[in-house]
Amino acid sequence: MYKLIAGASAAALLGACAATTEPTVADAATQPTVQAASGAEIERLNDFVSVMIDAETLYEQASDLPDNEEGVSMALASIAEDREDQREYLQARIEALGGTADQYGEAVGTTHRVFTQIRSAFSDDSEVAIEEVLRGERYIVTQIGEIMTTGPTDDTAELLASIRSDVMEDIEMLEDLDKVA
């Protein structure tokens, strides 16, 4: 019985090979290709990583402001954690593309944090914290939009679209918090 099954299997395989044609150029054109990232894409992603580092730091600081209501502090801390995770995904993506991921924020981010601290000294800290995080989130959406117009690789575009979706959800939540704060 074993010889019969083995013989039938071998005949089926030989028949399949005989019926298969050589691949053509047209077939190759329809196969998915792996896009190579340009140095410019890696540079843009590194610039965006710096923005995410600054956002993460600002949001952590905003969640610690003294008069924050508990719900506001928890929401801002959660967003900071989300940006940290997303920054790590971006850094891994840069390395997968053959680049070296940035580890530091930008000077503009430091200036923004100092401005926020000065502003909070003269205002309701919870309201300032929400407004500054909202401004940061809107800036992130703008940065993603700019990168998307440059034609990033498919995997990068998918990652950025996912981050943008998360940020947009957080913007809606922050706008709701801002109405009650």
C-alpha atoms as a PDB file:
ATOM      1  CA  MET A   1       0.000   0.000   0.000  1.00  0.00           C
ATOM      2  CA  TYR A   2       2.858   2.387   0.886  1.00  0.00           C
ATOM      3  CA  LYS A   3       4.458   1.862  -2.553  1.00  0.00           C
ATOM      4  CA  LEU A   4       1.131   2.622  -4.226  1.00  0.00           C
ATOM      5  CA  ILE A   5       0.673   5.916  -2.308  1.00  0.00           C
ATOM      6  CA  ALA A   6       4.308   6.937  -2.845  1.00  0.00           C
ATOM      7  CA  GLY A   7       4.069   6.126  -6.538  1.00  0.00           C
ATOM      8  CA  ALA A   8       0.839   8.090  -6.951  1.00  0.00           C
ATOM      9  CA  SER A   9       2.320  11.081  -5.113  1.00  0.00           C
ATOM     10  CA  ALA A  10       5.427  11.054  -7.290  1.00  0.00           C
ATOM     11  CA  ALA A  11       3.321  10.883 -10.453  1.00  0.00           C
ATOM     12  CA  ALA A  12       1.185  13.805  -9.260  1.00  0.00           C
ATOM     13  CA  LEU A  13       4.258  15.918  -8.538  1.00  0.00           C
ATOM     14  CA  LEU A  14       5.805  15.154 -11.925  1.00  0.00           C
ATOM     15  CA  GLY A  15       2.542  16.047 -13.631  1.00  0.00           C
ATOM     16  CA  ALA A  16       2.385  19.360 -11.761  1.00  0.00           C
ATOM     17  CA  CYS A  17       5.928  20.222 -12.798  1.00  0.00           C
ATOM     18  CA  ALA A  18       5.172  19.444 -16.413  1.00  0.00           C
ATOM     19  CA  ALA A  19       2.066  21.657 -16.373  1.00  0.00           C
ATOM     20  CA  THR A  20       3.848  24.637 -14.770  1.00  0.00           C
ATOM     21  CA  THR A  21       5.222  27.269 -17.138  1.00  0.00           C
ATOM     22  CA  GLU A  22       8.320  29.378 -16.691  1.00  0.00           C
ATOM     23  CA  PRO A  23       7.696  32.730 -14.975  1.00  0.00           C
ATOM     24  CA  THR A  24       7.488  35.659 -17.348  1.00  0.00           C
ATOM     25  CA  VAL A  25       8.462  39.305 -17.015  1.00  0.00           C
ATOM     26  CA  ALA A  26       4.747  40.101 -16.662  1.00  0.00           C
ATOM     27  CA  ASP A  27       4.542  37.695 -13.714  1.00  0.00           C
ATOM     28  CA  ALA A  28       7.516  39.385 -12.059  1.00  0.00           C
ATOM     29  CA  ALA A  29       5.879  42.788 -12.487  1.00  0.00           C
ATOM     30  CA  THR A  30       2.869  41.665 -10.459  1.00  0.00           C
ATOM     31  CA  GLN A  31       4.911  40.280  -7.551  1.00  0.00           C
ATOM     32  CA  PRO A  32       5.243  42.427  -4.439  1.00  0.00           C
ATOM     33  CA  THR A  33       8.559  44.164  -4.119  1.00  0.00           C
ATOM     34  CA  VAL A  34      10.441  45.227  -1.064  1.00  0.00           C
ATOM     35  CA  GLN A  35      11.045  48.954  -1.145  1.00  0.00           C
ATOM     36  CA  ALA A  36      14.466  50.192  -0.204  1.00  0.00           C
ATOM     37  CA  ALA A  37      14.456  53.210   2.046  1.00  0.00           C
ATOM     38  CA  SER A  38      16.385  56.257   1.029  1.00  0.00           C
ATOM     39  CA  GLY A  39      18.779  58.079   3.288  1.00  0.00           C
ATOM     40  CA  ALA A  40      16.292  60.949   3.174  1.00  0.00           C
ATOM     41  CA  GLU A  41      13.554  58.725   4.627  1.00  0.00           C
ATOM     42  CA  ILE A  42      15.819  57.662   7.472  1.00  0.00           C
ATOM     43  CA  GLU A  43      16.714  61.316   8.109  1.00  0.00           C
ATOM     44  CA  ARG A  44      13.024  62.345   8.169  1.00  0.00           C
ATOM     45  CA  LEU A  45      12.218  59.514  10.562  1.00  0.00           C
ATOM     46  CA  ASN A  46      15.105  60.523  12.814  1.00  0.00           C
ATOM     47  CA  ASP A  47      13.819  64.106  12.861  1.00  0.00           C
ATOM     48  CA  PHE A  48      10.419  62.728  13.829  1.00  0.00           C
ATOM     49  CA  VAL A  49      11.982  60.540  16.549  1.00  0.00           C
ATOM     50  CA  SER A  50      13.428  63.737  18.057  1.00  0.00           C
ATOM     51  CA  VAL A  51       9.938  65.260  18.062  1.00  0.00           C
ATOM     52  CA  MET A  52       8.557  62.157  19.773  1.00  0.00           C
ATOM     53  CA  ILE A  53      11.316  62.273  22.414  1.00  0.00           C
ATOM     54  CA  ASP A  54      10.416  65.892  23.160  1.00  0.00           C
ATOM     55  CA  ALA A  55       6.700  65.081  23.257  1.00  0.00           C
ATOM     56  CA  GLU A  56       7.240  62.197  25.634  1.00  0.00           C
ATOM     57  CA  THR A  57       9.304  64.380  27.991  1.00  0.00           C
ATOM     58  CA  LEU A  58       6.858  67.309  27.837  1.00  0.00           C
ATOM     59  CA  TYR A  59       3.858  65.054  28.493  1.00  0.00           C
ATOM     60  CA  GLU A  60       5.563  63.390  31.476  1.00  0.00           C
ATOM     61  CA  GLN A  61       6.322  66.818  32.930  1.00  0.00           C
ATOM     62  CA  ALA A  62       2.788  68.027  32.232  1.00  0.00           C
ATOM     63  CA  SER A  63       1.336  65.040  34.059  1.00  0.00           C
ATOM     64  CA  ASP A  64       3.318  66.034  37.159  1.00  0.00           C
ATOM     65  CA  LEU A  65       2.069  69.627  37.415  1.00  0.00           C
ATOM     66  CA  PRO A  66       0.996  70.328  41.009  1.00  0.00           C
ATOM     67  CA  ASP A  67      -2.677  71.221  40.619  1.00  0.00           C
ATOM     68  CA  ASN A  68      -3.531  68.615  38.011  1.00  0.00           C
ATOM     69  CA  GLU A  69      -6.728  66.816  38.683  1.00  0.00           C
ATOM     70  CA  GLU A  70      -6.128  63.079  38.962  1.00  0.00           C
ATOM     71  CA  GLY A  71      -7.912  62.261  35.702  1.00  0.00           C
ATOM     72  CA  VAL A  72      -5.865  64.836  33.802  1.00  0.00           C
ATOM     73  CA  SER A  73      -2.578  63.595  35.244  1.00  0.00           C
ATOM     74  CA  MET A  74      -3.415  59.992  34.424  1.00  0.00           C
ATOM     75  CA  ALA A  75      -4.474  60.865  30.862  1.00  0.00           C
ATOM     76  CA  LEU A  76      -1.282  62.853  30.192  1.00  0.00           C
ATOM     77  CA  ALA A  77       0.905  60.106  31.694  1.00  0.00           C
ATOM     78  CA  SER A  78      -0.836  57.545  29.490  1.00  0.00           C
ATOM     79  CA  ILE A  79      -0.218  59.645  26.378  1.00  0.00           C
ATOM     80  CA  ALA A  80       3.448  60.013  27.388  1.00  0.00           C
ATOM     81  CA  GLU A  81       3.724  56.216  27.614  1.00  0.00           C
ATOM     82  CA  ASP A  82       2.072  55.851  24.197  1.00  0.00           C
ATOM     83  CA  ARG A  83       4.551  58.295  22.638  1.00  0.00           C
ATOM     84  CA  GLU A  84       7.426  56.414  24.259  1.00  0.00           C
ATOM     85  CA  ASP A  85       6.219  53.129  22.732  1.00  0.00           C
ATOM     86  CA  GLN A  86       5.743  54.780  19.344  1.00  0.00           C
ATOM     87  CA  ARG A  87       9.196  56.362  19.527  1.00  0.00           C
ATOM     88  CA  GLU A  88      10.664  52.922  20.173  1.00  0.00           C
ATOM     89  CA  TYR A  89       8.812  51.523  17.133  1.00  0.00           C
ATOM     90  CA  LEU A  90      10.166  54.380  15.019  1.00  0.00           C
ATOM     91  CA  GLN A  91      13.695  53.803  16.270  1.00  0.00           C
ATOM     92  CA  ALA A  92      13.393  50.096  15.472  1.00  0.00           C
ATOM     93  CA  ARG A  93      12.109  50.987  12.003  1.00  0.00           C
ATOM     94  CA  ILE A  94      15.094  53.277  11.393  1.00  0.00           C
ATOM     95  CA  GLU A  95      17.461  50.512  12.397  1.00  0.00           C
ATOM     96  CA  ALA A  96      15.605  48.013  10.185  1.00  0.00           C
ATOM     97  CA  LEU A  97      16.128  50.431   7.287  1.00  0.00           C
ATOM     98  CA  GLY A  98      19.859  50.454   7.981  1.00  0.00           C
ATOM     99  CA  GLY A  99      20.074  53.746   9.857  1.00  0.00           C
ATOM    100  CA  THR A 100      21.127  54.737  13.348  1.00  0.00           C
ATOM    101  CA  ALA A 101      18.212  56.035  15.397  1.00  0.00           C
ATOM    102  CA  ASP A 102      18.446  59.367  17.212  1.00  0.00           C
ATOM    103  CA  GLN A 103      18.367  59.193  20.996  1.00  0.00           C
ATOM    104  CA  TYR A 104      17.868  62.891  21.838  1.00  0.00           C
ATOM    105  CA  GLY A 105      15.223  65.542  21.307  1.00  0.00           C
ATOM    106  CA  GLU A 106      15.603  68.911  19.621  1.00  0.00           C
ATOM    107  CA  ALA A 107      16.546  72.302  21.066  1.00  0.00           C
ATOM    108  CA  VAL A 108      13.067  73.522  20.106  1.00  0.00           C
ATOM    109  CA  GLY A 109      11.551  70.885  22.392  1.00  0.00           C
ATOM    110  CA  THR A 110      13.621  72.089  25.332  1.00  0.00           C
ATOM    111  CA  THR A 111      12.544  75.664  24.646  1.00  0.00           C
ATOM    112  CA  HIS A 112       8.906  74.572  24.496  1.00  0.00           C
ATOM    113  CA  ARG A 113       9.185  72.794  27.862  1.00  0.00           C
ATOM    114  CA  VAL A 114      10.732  75.908  29.467  1.00  0.00           C
ATOM    115  CA  PHE A 115       7.969  78.080  27.973  1.00  0.00           C
ATOM    116  CA  THR A 116       5.362  75.686  29.378  1.00  0.00           C
ATOM    117  CA  GLN A 117       6.919  75.859  32.849  1.00  0.00           C
ATOM    118  CA  ILE A 118       6.947  79.676  32.786  1.00  0.00           C
ATOM    119  CA  ARG A 119       3.385  79.792  31.487  1.00  0.00           C
ATOM    120  CA  SER A 120       2.139  77.381  34.145  1.00  0.00           C
ATOM    121  CA  ALA A 121       3.568  79.625  36.876  1.00  0.00           C
ATOM    122  CA  PHE A 122       0.974  82.266  35.912  1.00  0.00           C
ATOM    123  CA  SER A 123      -1.984  80.077  34.982  1.00  0.00           C
ATOM    124  CA  ASP A 124      -4.115  77.133  35.993  1.00  0.00           C
ATOM    125  CA  ASP A 125      -1.639  74.264  35.629  1.00  0.00           C
ATOM    126  CA  SER A 126      -4.170  71.662  34.489  1.00  0.00           C
ATOM    127  CA  GLU A 127      -5.467  73.864  31.717  1.00  0.00           C
ATOM    128  CA  VAL A 128      -1.947  74.804  30.588  1.00  0.00           C
ATOM    129  CA  ALA A 129      -0.866  71.167  30.635  1.00  0.00           C
ATOM    130  CA  ILE A 130      -3.783  70.093  28.445  1.00  0.00           C
ATOM    131  CA  GLU A 131      -3.307  72.994  26.030  1.00  0.00           C
ATOM    132  CA  GLU A 132       0.422  72.371  25.639  1.00  0.00           C
ATOM    133  CA  VAL A 133      -0.058  68.636  25.103  1.00  0.00           C
ATOM    134  CA  LEU A 134      -2.771  69.410  22.556  1.00  0.00           C
ATOM    135  CA  ARG A 135      -0.372  71.726  20.764  1.00  0.00           C
ATOM    136  CA  GLY A 136       2.268  68.993  20.794  1.00  0.00           C
ATOM    137  CA  GLU A 137      -0.182  66.397  19.469  1.00  0.00           C
ATOM    138  CA  ARG A 138      -1.271  68.667  16.632  1.00  0.00           C
ATOM    139  CA  TYR A 139       2.372  69.253  15.763  1.00  0.00           C
ATOM    140  CA  ILE A 140       2.920  65.480  15.611  1.00  0.00           C
ATOM    141  CA  VAL A 141       0.000  65.133  13.176  1.00  0.00           C
ATOM    142  CA  THR A 142       1.502  67.901  11.022  1.00  0.00           C
ATOM    143  CA  GLN A 143       4.907  66.215  11.043  1.00  0.00           C
ATOM    144  CA  ILE A 144       3.393  62.875  10.030  1.00  0.00           C
ATOM    145  CA  GLY A 145       1.514  64.589   7.199  1.00  0.00           C
ATOM    146  CA  GLU A 146       4.733  66.138   5.917  1.00  0.00           C
ATOM    147  CA  ILE A 147       6.569  62.801   5.981  1.00  0.00           C
ATOM    148  CA  MET A 148       3.687  61.067   4.208  1.00  0.00           C
ATOM    149  CA  THR A 149       3.911  63.517   1.284  1.00  0.00           C
ATOM    150  CA  THR A 150       7.485  62.388   0.606  1.00  0.00           C
ATOM    151  CA  GLY A 151       6.488  58.845  -0.402  1.00  0.00           C
ATOM    152  CA  PRO A 152       7.885  56.728   2.429  1.00  0.00           C
ATOM    153  CA  THR A 153       8.197  52.971   2.061  1.00  0.00           C
ATOM    154  CA  ASP A 154       4.979  51.036   2.596  1.00  0.00           C
ATOM    155  CA  ASP A 155       5.961  49.726   6.040  1.00  0.00           C
ATOM    156  CA  THR A 156       6.946  53.211   7.176  1.00  0.00           C
ATOM    157  CA  ALA A 157       3.704  54.685   5.831  1.00  0.00           C
ATOM    158  CA  GLU A 158       1.716  52.019   7.676  1.00  0.00           C
ATOM    159  CA  LEU A 159       3.548  52.743  10.940  1.00  0.00           C
ATOM    160  CA  LEU A 160       3.025  56.491  10.556  1.00  0.00           C
ATOM    161  CA  ALA A 161      -0.673  56.038   9.728  1.00  0.00           C
ATOM    162  CA  SER A 162      -1.098  53.974  12.888  1.00  0.00           C
ATOM    163  CA  ILE A 163       0.638  56.625  15.004  1.00  0.00           C
ATOM    164  CA  ARG A 164      -1.468  59.375  13.413  1.00  0.00           C
ATOM    165  CA  SER A 165      -4.656  57.454  14.198  1.00  0.00           C
ATOM    166  CA  ASP A 166      -3.639  57.081  17.859  1.00  0.00           C
ATOM    167  CA  VAL A 167      -2.697  60.760  18.092  1.00  0.00           C
ATOM    168  CA  MET A 168      -6.019  61.844  16.569  1.00  0.00           C
ATOM    169  CA  GLU A 169      -7.893  59.784  19.175  1.00  0.00           C
ATOM    170  CA  ASP A 170      -5.832  61.403  21.930  1.00  0.00           C
ATOM    171  CA  ILE A 171      -6.536  64.870  20.521  1.00  0.00           C
ATOM    172  CA  GLU A 172     -10.276  64.201  20.762  1.00  0.00           C
ATOM    173  CA  MET A 173      -9.896  62.981  24.359  1.00  0.00           C
ATOM    174  CA  LEU A 174      -7.773  66.012  25.287  1.00  0.00           C
ATOM    175  CA  GLU A 175     -10.266  68.415  23.739  1.00  0.00           C
ATOM    176  CA  ASP A 176     -12.989  66.829  25.872  1.00  0.00           C
ATOM    177  CA  LEU A 177     -10.776  67.151  28.979  1.00  0.00           C
ATOM    178  CA  ASP A 178     -10.034  70.770  28.116  1.00  0.00           C
ATOM    179  CA  LYS A 179     -13.749  71.577  28.171  1.00  0.00           C
ATOM    180  CA  VAL A 180     -14.114  70.404  31.770  1.00  0.00           C
ATOM    181  CA  ALA A 181     -10.724  71.522  33.144  1.00  0.00           C
END
